[in-house]
Amino acid sequence: GEVTFGFDGTGIATTMTVTVYDLAGAIVYQTTQTDVSEITWDGAGLANGAYIYVITATDGTNTFDGNGTVFINR
């Protein structure tokens, strides 16, 4: 499956960064995209388990930060 990350701002994010870490703290995925409201990640090539994500998005005026855990189970 896929995971879709979004933000709680209005409209689109002028810049949105999603970083996914394994439980050892290594970055396993990172992307920065512009003019989006969401980013989809497929977790390709990763083992089943828990991963930590961090999202930072700005709408040009305000910055939104979020984090949590995502699970891969294929």
PDB file of N, CA and C in Angstrom:
ATOM      1  N   GLY A   1       0.806  -1.185   0.000  1.00  0.00           N
ATOM      2  CA  GLY A   1       0.000   0.000   0.000  1.00  0.00           C
ATOM      3  C   GLY A   1       0.850   1.251   0.000  1.00  0.00           C
ATOM      4  N   GLU A   2       0.171   2.338  -0.047  1.00  0.00           N
ATOM      5  CA  GLU A   2       0.815   3.641  -0.044  1.00  0.00           C
ATOM      6  C   GLU A   2       0.367   4.440   1.159  1.00  0.00           C
ATOM      7  N   VAL A   3       1.182   5.407   1.531  1.00  0.00           N
ATOM      8  CA  VAL A   3       0.847   6.343   2.604  1.00  0.00           C
ATOM      9  C   VAL A   3       0.794   7.728   1.982  1.00  0.00           C
ATOM     10  N   THR A   4      -0.242   8.479   2.301  1.00  0.00           N
ATOM     11  CA  THR A   4      -0.352   9.840   1.805  1.00  0.00           C
ATOM     12  C   THR A   4      -0.212  10.793   2.975  1.00  0.00           C
ATOM     13  N   PHE A   5       0.770  11.676   2.883  1.00  0.00           N
ATOM     14  CA  PHE A   5       1.025  12.683   3.903  1.00  0.00           C
ATOM     15  C   PHE A   5       0.423  13.995   3.420  1.00  0.00           C
ATOM     16  N   GLY A   6      -0.260  14.710   4.311  1.00  0.00           N
ATOM     17  CA  GLY A   6      -0.836  16.006   3.984  1.00  0.00           C
ATOM     18  C   GLY A   6      -0.575  16.984   5.102  1.00  0.00           C
ATOM     19  N   PHE A   7      -1.114  18.192   4.962  1.00  0.00           N
ATOM     20  CA  PHE A   7      -0.945  19.179   6.021  1.00  0.00           C
ATOM     21  C   PHE A   7      -2.266  19.864   6.290  1.00  0.00           C
ATOM     22  N   ASP A   8      -2.371  20.538   7.444  1.00  0.00           N
ATOM     23  CA  ASP A   8      -3.628  21.117   7.886  1.00  0.00           C
ATOM     24  C   ASP A   8      -3.816  22.569   7.472  1.00  0.00           C
ATOM     25  N   GLY A   9      -3.037  23.050   6.538  1.00  0.00           N
ATOM     26  CA  GLY A   9      -3.194  24.428   6.083  1.00  0.00           C
ATOM     27  C   GLY A   9      -4.325  24.533   5.080  1.00  0.00           C
ATOM     28  N   THR A  10      -4.594  25.737   4.649  1.00  0.00           N
ATOM     29  CA  THR A  10      -5.604  25.942   3.623  1.00  0.00           C
ATOM     30  C   THR A  10      -4.916  26.019   2.272  1.00  0.00           C
ATOM     31  N   GLY A  11      -5.540  25.458   1.257  1.00  0.00           N
ATOM     32  CA  GLY A  11      -4.956  25.500  -0.076  1.00  0.00           C
ATOM     33  C   GLY A  11      -3.801  24.534  -0.217  1.00  0.00           C
ATOM     34  N   ILE A  12      -2.755  24.997  -0.885  1.00  0.00           N
ATOM     35  CA  ILE A  12      -1.602  24.144  -1.131  1.00  0.00           C
ATOM     36  C   ILE A  12      -0.390  24.650  -0.376  1.00  0.00           C
ATOM     37  N   ALA A  13       0.553  23.753  -0.155  1.00  0.00           N
ATOM     38  CA  ALA A  13       1.807  24.134   0.489  1.00  0.00           C
ATOM     39  C   ALA A  13       2.749  24.656  -0.583  1.00  0.00           C
ATOM     40  N   THR A  14       3.354  25.795  -0.340  1.00  0.00           N
ATOM     41  CA  THR A  14       4.342  26.276  -1.295  1.00  0.00           C
ATOM     42  C   THR A  14       5.565  25.383  -1.271  1.00  0.00           C
ATOM     43  N   THR A  15       5.882  24.836  -0.091  1.00  0.00           N
ATOM     44  CA  THR A  15       6.956  23.855   0.055  1.00  0.00           C
ATOM     45  C   THR A  15       6.553  22.839   1.110  1.00  0.00           C
ATOM     46  N   MET A  16       6.724  21.555   0.789  1.00  0.00           N
ATOM     47  CA  MET A  16       6.419  20.490   1.748  1.00  0.00           C
ATOM     48  C   MET A  16       7.552  19.470   1.711  1.00  0.00           C
ATOM     49  N   THR A  17       8.064  19.135   2.893  1.00  0.00           N
ATOM     50  CA  THR A  17       9.131  18.138   3.018  1.00  0.00           C
ATOM     51  C   THR A  17       8.633  16.997   3.884  1.00  0.00           C
ATOM     52  N   VAL A  18       8.832  15.779   3.408  1.00  0.00           N
ATOM     53  CA  VAL A  18       8.531  14.577   4.177  1.00  0.00           C
ATOM     54  C   VAL A  18       9.837  13.800   4.326  1.00  0.00           C
ATOM     55  N   THR A  19      10.168  13.467   5.571  1.00  0.00           N
ATOM     56  CA  THR A  19      11.339  12.644   5.858  1.00  0.00           C
ATOM     57  C   THR A  19      10.871  11.439   6.664  1.00  0.00           C
ATOM     58  N   VAL A  20      11.303  10.249   6.249  1.00  0.00           N
ATOM     59  CA  VAL A  20      10.938   9.017   6.944  1.00  0.00           C
ATOM     60  C   VAL A  20      12.224   8.380   7.457  1.00  0.00           C
ATOM     61  N   TYR A  21      12.202   7.988   8.735  1.00  0.00           N
ATOM     62  CA  TYR A  21      13.359   7.393   9.400  1.00  0.00           C
ATOM     63  C   TYR A  21      13.032   5.971   9.824  1.00  0.00           C
ATOM     64  N   ASP A  22      14.048   5.113   9.825  1.00  0.00           N
ATOM     65  CA  ASP A  22      13.856   3.815  10.459  1.00  0.00           C
ATOM     66  C   ASP A  22      14.036   4.000  11.965  1.00  0.00           C
ATOM     67  N   LEU A  23      13.810   2.957  12.740  1.00  0.00           N
ATOM     68  CA  LEU A  23      13.861   3.093  14.197  1.00  0.00           C
ATOM     69  C   LEU A  23      15.267   3.314  14.735  1.00  0.00           C
ATOM     70  N   ALA A  24      16.276   3.099  13.898  1.00  0.00           N
ATOM     71  CA  ALA A  24      17.656   3.392  14.286  1.00  0.00           C
ATOM     72  C   ALA A  24      18.024   4.848  14.007  1.00  0.00           C
ATOM     73  N   GLY A  25      17.102   5.591  13.368  1.00  0.00           N
ATOM     74  CA  GLY A  25      17.333   7.004  13.094  1.00  0.00           C
ATOM     75  C   GLY A  25      17.906   7.319  11.720  1.00  0.00           C
ATOM     76  N   ALA A  26      18.062   6.297  10.877  1.00  0.00           N
ATOM     77  CA  ALA A  26      18.575   6.515   9.526  1.00  0.00           C
ATOM     78  C   ALA A  26      17.440   6.989   8.609  1.00  0.00           C
ATOM     79  N   ILE A  27      17.733   7.945   7.740  1.00  0.00           N
ATOM     80  CA  ILE A  27      16.742   8.406   6.772  1.00  0.00           C
ATOM     81  C   ILE A  27      16.584   7.343   5.694  1.00  0.00           C
ATOM     82  N   VAL A  28      15.333   6.895   5.490  1.00  0.00           N
ATOM     83  CA  VAL A  28      15.052   5.898   4.459  1.00  0.00           C
ATOM     84  C   VAL A  28      14.305   6.506   3.281  1.00  0.00           C
ATOM     85  N   TYR A  29      13.770   7.717   3.461  1.00  0.00           N
ATOM     86  CA  TYR A  29      13.057   8.416   2.380  1.00  0.00           C
ATOM     87  C   TYR A  29      13.010   9.891   2.727  1.00  0.00           C
ATOM     88  N   GLN A  30      13.237  10.724   1.722  1.00  0.00           N
ATOM     89  CA  GLN A  30      13.077  12.160   1.921  1.00  0.00           C
ATOM     90  C   GLN A  30      12.734  12.805   0.587  1.00  0.00           C
ATOM     91  N   THR A  31      11.782  13.706   0.603  1.00  0.00           N
ATOM     92  CA  THR A  31      11.423  14.442  -0.596  1.00  0.00           C
ATOM     93  C   THR A  31      10.964  15.832  -0.196  1.00  0.00           C
ATOM     94  N   THR A  32      11.220  16.789  -1.052  1.00  0.00           N
ATOM     95  CA  THR A  32      10.674  18.135  -0.920  1.00  0.00           C
ATOM     96  C   THR A  32       9.976  18.455  -2.229  1.00  0.00           C
ATOM     97  N   GLN A  33       8.716  18.868  -2.123  1.00  0.00           N
ATOM     98  CA  GLN A  33       7.937  19.205  -3.310  1.00  0.00           C
ATOM     99  C   GLN A  33       7.314  20.575  -3.119  1.00  0.00           C
ATOM    100  N   THR A  34       7.018  21.235  -4.209  1.00  0.00           N
ATOM    101  CA  THR A  34       6.428  22.566  -4.155  1.00  0.00           C
ATOM    102  C   THR A  34       5.019  22.540  -4.725  1.00  0.00           C
ATOM    103  N   ASP A  35       4.209  23.452  -4.215  1.00  0.00           N
ATOM    104  CA  ASP A  35       2.834  23.648  -4.679  1.00  0.00           C
ATOM    105  C   ASP A  35       2.019  22.361  -4.648  1.00  0.00           C
ATOM    106  N   VAL A  36       2.006  21.700  -3.479  1.00  0.00           N
ATOM    107  CA  VAL A  36       1.266  20.446  -3.289  1.00  0.00           C
ATOM    108  C   VAL A  36       0.415  20.534  -2.031  1.00  0.00           C
ATOM    109  N   SER A  37      -0.571  19.660  -1.925  1.00  0.00           N
ATOM    110  CA  SER A  37      -1.344  19.549  -0.687  1.00  0.00           C
ATOM    111  C   SER A  37      -1.098  18.213  -0.011  1.00  0.00           C
ATOM    112  N   GLU A  38      -0.448  17.289  -0.737  1.00  0.00           N
ATOM    113  CA  GLU A  38      -0.129  15.985  -0.173  1.00  0.00           C
ATOM    114  C   GLU A  38       1.020  15.350  -0.949  1.00  0.00           C
ATOM    115  N   ILE A  39       1.688  14.405  -0.289  1.00  0.00           N
ATOM    116  CA  ILE A  39       2.770  13.631  -0.894  1.00  0.00           C
ATOM    117  C   ILE A  39       2.493  12.166  -0.614  1.00  0.00           C
ATOM    118  N   THR A  40       2.599  11.326  -1.635  1.00  0.00           N
ATOM    119  CA  THR A  40       2.355   9.897  -1.485  1.00  0.00           C
ATOM    120  C   THR A  40       3.684   9.155  -1.500  1.00  0.00           C
ATOM    121  N   TRP A  41       3.815   8.198  -0.588  1.00  0.00           N
ATOM    122  CA  TRP A  41       5.019   7.390  -0.435  1.00  0.00           C
ATOM    123  C   TRP A  41       4.613   5.929  -0.475  1.00  0.00           C
ATOM    124  N   ASP A  42       5.366   5.118  -1.229  1.00  0.00           N
ATOM    125  CA  ASP A  42       5.002   3.704  -1.347  1.00  0.00           C
ATOM    126  C   ASP A  42       5.834   2.760  -0.480  1.00  0.00           C
ATOM    127  N   GLY A  43       6.862   3.261   0.181  1.00  0.00           N
ATOM    128  CA  GLY A  43       7.664   2.426   1.058  1.00  0.00           C
ATOM    129  C   GLY A  43       8.424   1.323   0.341  1.00  0.00           C
ATOM    130  N   ALA A  44       8.596   1.467  -0.969  1.00  0.00           N
ATOM    131  CA  ALA A  44       9.241   0.431  -1.776  1.00  0.00           C
ATOM    132  C   ALA A  44      10.631   0.091  -1.248  1.00  0.00           C
ATOM    133  N   GLY A  45      10.908  -1.202  -1.200  1.00  0.00           N
ATOM    134  CA  GLY A  45      12.224  -1.682  -0.828  1.00  0.00           C
ATOM    135  C   GLY A  45      12.492  -1.764   0.663  1.00  0.00           C
ATOM    136  N   LEU A  46      11.521  -1.397   1.476  1.00  0.00           N
ATOM    137  CA  LEU A  46      11.727  -1.421   2.930  1.00  0.00           C
ATOM    138  C   LEU A  46      11.080  -2.651   3.549  1.00  0.00           C
ATOM    139  N   ALA A  47      11.661  -3.106   4.638  1.00  0.00           N
ATOM    140  CA  ALA A  47      11.131  -4.253   5.369  1.00  0.00           C
ATOM    141  C   ALA A  47       9.859  -3.879   6.118  1.00  0.00           C
ATOM    142  N   ASN A  48       9.041  -4.861   6.420  1.00  0.00           N
ATOM    143  CA  ASN A  48       7.877  -4.634   7.263  1.00  0.00           C
ATOM    144  C   ASN A  48       8.329  -4.071   8.603  1.00  0.00           C
ATOM    145  N   GLY A  49       7.541  -3.175   9.172  1.00  0.00           N
ATOM    146  CA  GLY A  49       7.853  -2.626  10.479  1.00  0.00           C
ATOM    147  C   GLY A  49       7.416  -1.191  10.614  1.00  0.00           C
ATOM    148  N   ALA A  50       7.834  -0.587  11.705  1.00  0.00           N
ATOM    149  CA  ALA A  50       7.465   0.792  12.031  1.00  0.00           C
ATOM    150  C   ALA A  50       8.532   1.761  11.534  1.00  0.00           C
ATOM    151  N   TYR A  51       8.089   2.909  11.081  1.00  0.00           N
ATOM    152  CA  TYR A  51       8.957   3.986  10.626  1.00  0.00           C
ATOM    153  C   TYR A  51       8.413   5.300  11.174  1.00  0.00           C
ATOM    154  N   ILE A  52       9.299   6.232  11.418  1.00  0.00           N
ATOM    155  CA  ILE A  52       8.920   7.545  11.948  1.00  0.00           C
ATOM    156  C   ILE A  52       8.932   8.551  10.801  1.00  0.00           C
ATOM    157  N   TYR A  53       7.889   9.386  10.721  1.00  0.00           N
ATOM    158  CA  TYR A  53       7.880  10.421   9.683  1.00  0.00           C
ATOM    159  C   TYR A  53       7.842  11.806  10.315  1.00  0.00           C
ATOM    160  N   VAL A  54       8.410  12.756   9.592  1.00  0.00           N
ATOM    161  CA  VAL A  54       8.385  14.168   9.971  1.00  0.00           C
ATOM    162  C   VAL A  54       7.967  14.955   8.737  1.00  0.00           C
ATOM    163  N   ILE A  55       6.974  15.810   8.891  1.00  0.00           N
ATOM    164  CA  ILE A  55       6.488  16.653   7.792  1.00  0.00           C
ATOM    165  C   ILE A  55       6.694  18.106   8.187  1.00  0.00           C
ATOM    166  N   THR A  56       7.209  18.888   7.255  1.00  0.00           N
ATOM    167  CA  THR A  56       7.268  20.341   7.413  1.00  0.00           C
ATOM    168  C   THR A  56       6.691  20.950   6.146  1.00  0.00           C
ATOM    169  N   ALA A  57       5.712  21.826   6.313  1.00  0.00           N
ATOM    170  CA  ALA A  57       5.078  22.464   5.162  1.00  0.00           C
ATOM    171  C   ALA A  57       4.892  23.945   5.459  1.00  0.00           C
ATOM    172  N   THR A  58       5.004  24.752   4.428  1.00  0.00           N
ATOM    173  CA  THR A  58       4.727  26.170   4.573  1.00  0.00           C
ATOM    174  C   THR A  58       3.759  26.598   3.481  1.00  0.00           C
ATOM    175  N   ASP A  59       2.873  27.517   3.828  1.00  0.00           N
ATOM    176  CA  ASP A  59       1.954  28.061   2.834  1.00  0.00           C
ATOM    177  C   ASP A  59       2.419  29.439   2.370  1.00  0.00           C
ATOM    178  N   GLY A  60       3.656  29.777   2.684  1.00  0.00           N
ATOM    179  CA  GLY A  60       4.198  31.069   2.318  1.00  0.00           C
ATOM    180  C   GLY A  60       4.150  32.057   3.459  1.00  0.00           C
ATOM    181  N   THR A  61       3.262  31.811   4.426  1.00  0.00           N
ATOM    182  CA  THR A  61       3.122  32.673   5.592  1.00  0.00           C
ATOM    183  C   THR A  61       3.360  31.903   6.880  1.00  0.00           C
ATOM    184  N   ASN A  62       2.739  30.748   6.985  1.00  0.00           N
ATOM    185  CA  ASN A  62       2.817  29.925   8.188  1.00  0.00           C
ATOM    186  C   ASN A  62       3.541  28.627   7.901  1.00  0.00           C
ATOM    187  N   THR A  63       4.192  28.080   8.938  1.00  0.00           N
ATOM    188  CA  THR A  63       4.856  26.789   8.822  1.00  0.00           C
ATOM    189  C   THR A  63       4.120  25.782   9.693  1.00  0.00           C
ATOM    190  N   PHE A  64       3.908  24.602   9.143  1.00  0.00           N
ATOM    191  CA  PHE A  64       3.218  23.520   9.823  1.00  0.00           C
ATOM    192  C   PHE A  64       4.192  22.363   9.987  1.00  0.00           C
ATOM    193  N   ASP A  65       4.265  21.794  11.191  1.00  0.00           N
ATOM    194  CA  ASP A  65       5.130  20.655  11.468  1.00  0.00           C
ATOM    195  C   ASP A  65       4.279  19.522  12.014  1.00  0.00           C
ATOM    196  N   GLY A  66       4.621  18.313  11.630  1.00  0.00           N
ATOM    197  CA  GLY A  66       3.926  17.147  12.156  1.00  0.00           C
ATOM    198  C   GLY A  66       4.842  15.949  12.130  1.00  0.00           C
ATOM    199  N   ASN A  67       4.537  14.958  12.964  1.00  0.00           N
ATOM    200  CA  ASN A  67       5.314  13.730  12.978  1.00  0.00           C
ATOM    201  C   ASN A  67       4.452  12.603  13.493  1.00  0.00           C
ATOM    202  N   GLY A  68       4.916  11.403  13.285  1.00  0.00           N
ATOM    203  CA  GLY A  68       4.173  10.240  13.755  1.00  0.00           C
ATOM    204  C   GLY A  68       4.850   8.964  13.315  1.00  0.00           C
ATOM    205  N   THR A  69       4.105   7.882  13.413  1.00  0.00           N
ATOM    206  CA  THR A  69       4.609   6.568  13.058  1.00  0.00           C
ATOM    207  C   THR A  69       3.759   6.003  11.923  1.00  0.00           C
ATOM    208  N   VAL A  70       4.433   5.381  10.986  1.00  0.00           N
ATOM    209  CA  VAL A  70       3.748   4.686   9.893  1.00  0.00           C
ATOM    210  C   VAL A  70       4.247   3.248   9.892  1.00  0.00           C
ATOM    211  N   PHE A  71       3.375   2.313   9.569  1.00  0.00           N
ATOM    212  CA  PHE A  71       3.726   0.896   9.589  1.00  0.00           C
ATOM    213  C   PHE A  71       3.658   0.329   8.178  1.00  0.00           C
ATOM    214  N   ILE A  72       4.668  -0.438   7.826  1.00  0.00           N
ATOM    215  CA  ILE A  72       4.667  -1.166   6.547  1.00  0.00           C
ATOM    216  C   ILE A  72       4.395  -2.623   6.869  1.00  0.00           C
ATOM    217  N   ASN A  73       3.393  -3.181   6.205  1.00  0.00           N
ATOM    218  CA  ASN A  73       3.029  -4.582   6.391  1.00  0.00           C
ATOM    219  C   ASN A  73       2.550  -5.091   5.041  1.00  0.00           C
ATOM    220  N   ARG A  74       3.410  -5.822   4.369  1.00  0.00           N
ATOM    221  CA  ARG A  74       3.060  -6.307   3.027  1.00  0.00           C
ATOM    222  C   ARG A  74       2.668  -7.758   3.070  1.00  0.00           C
TER     223      ARG A  74
END
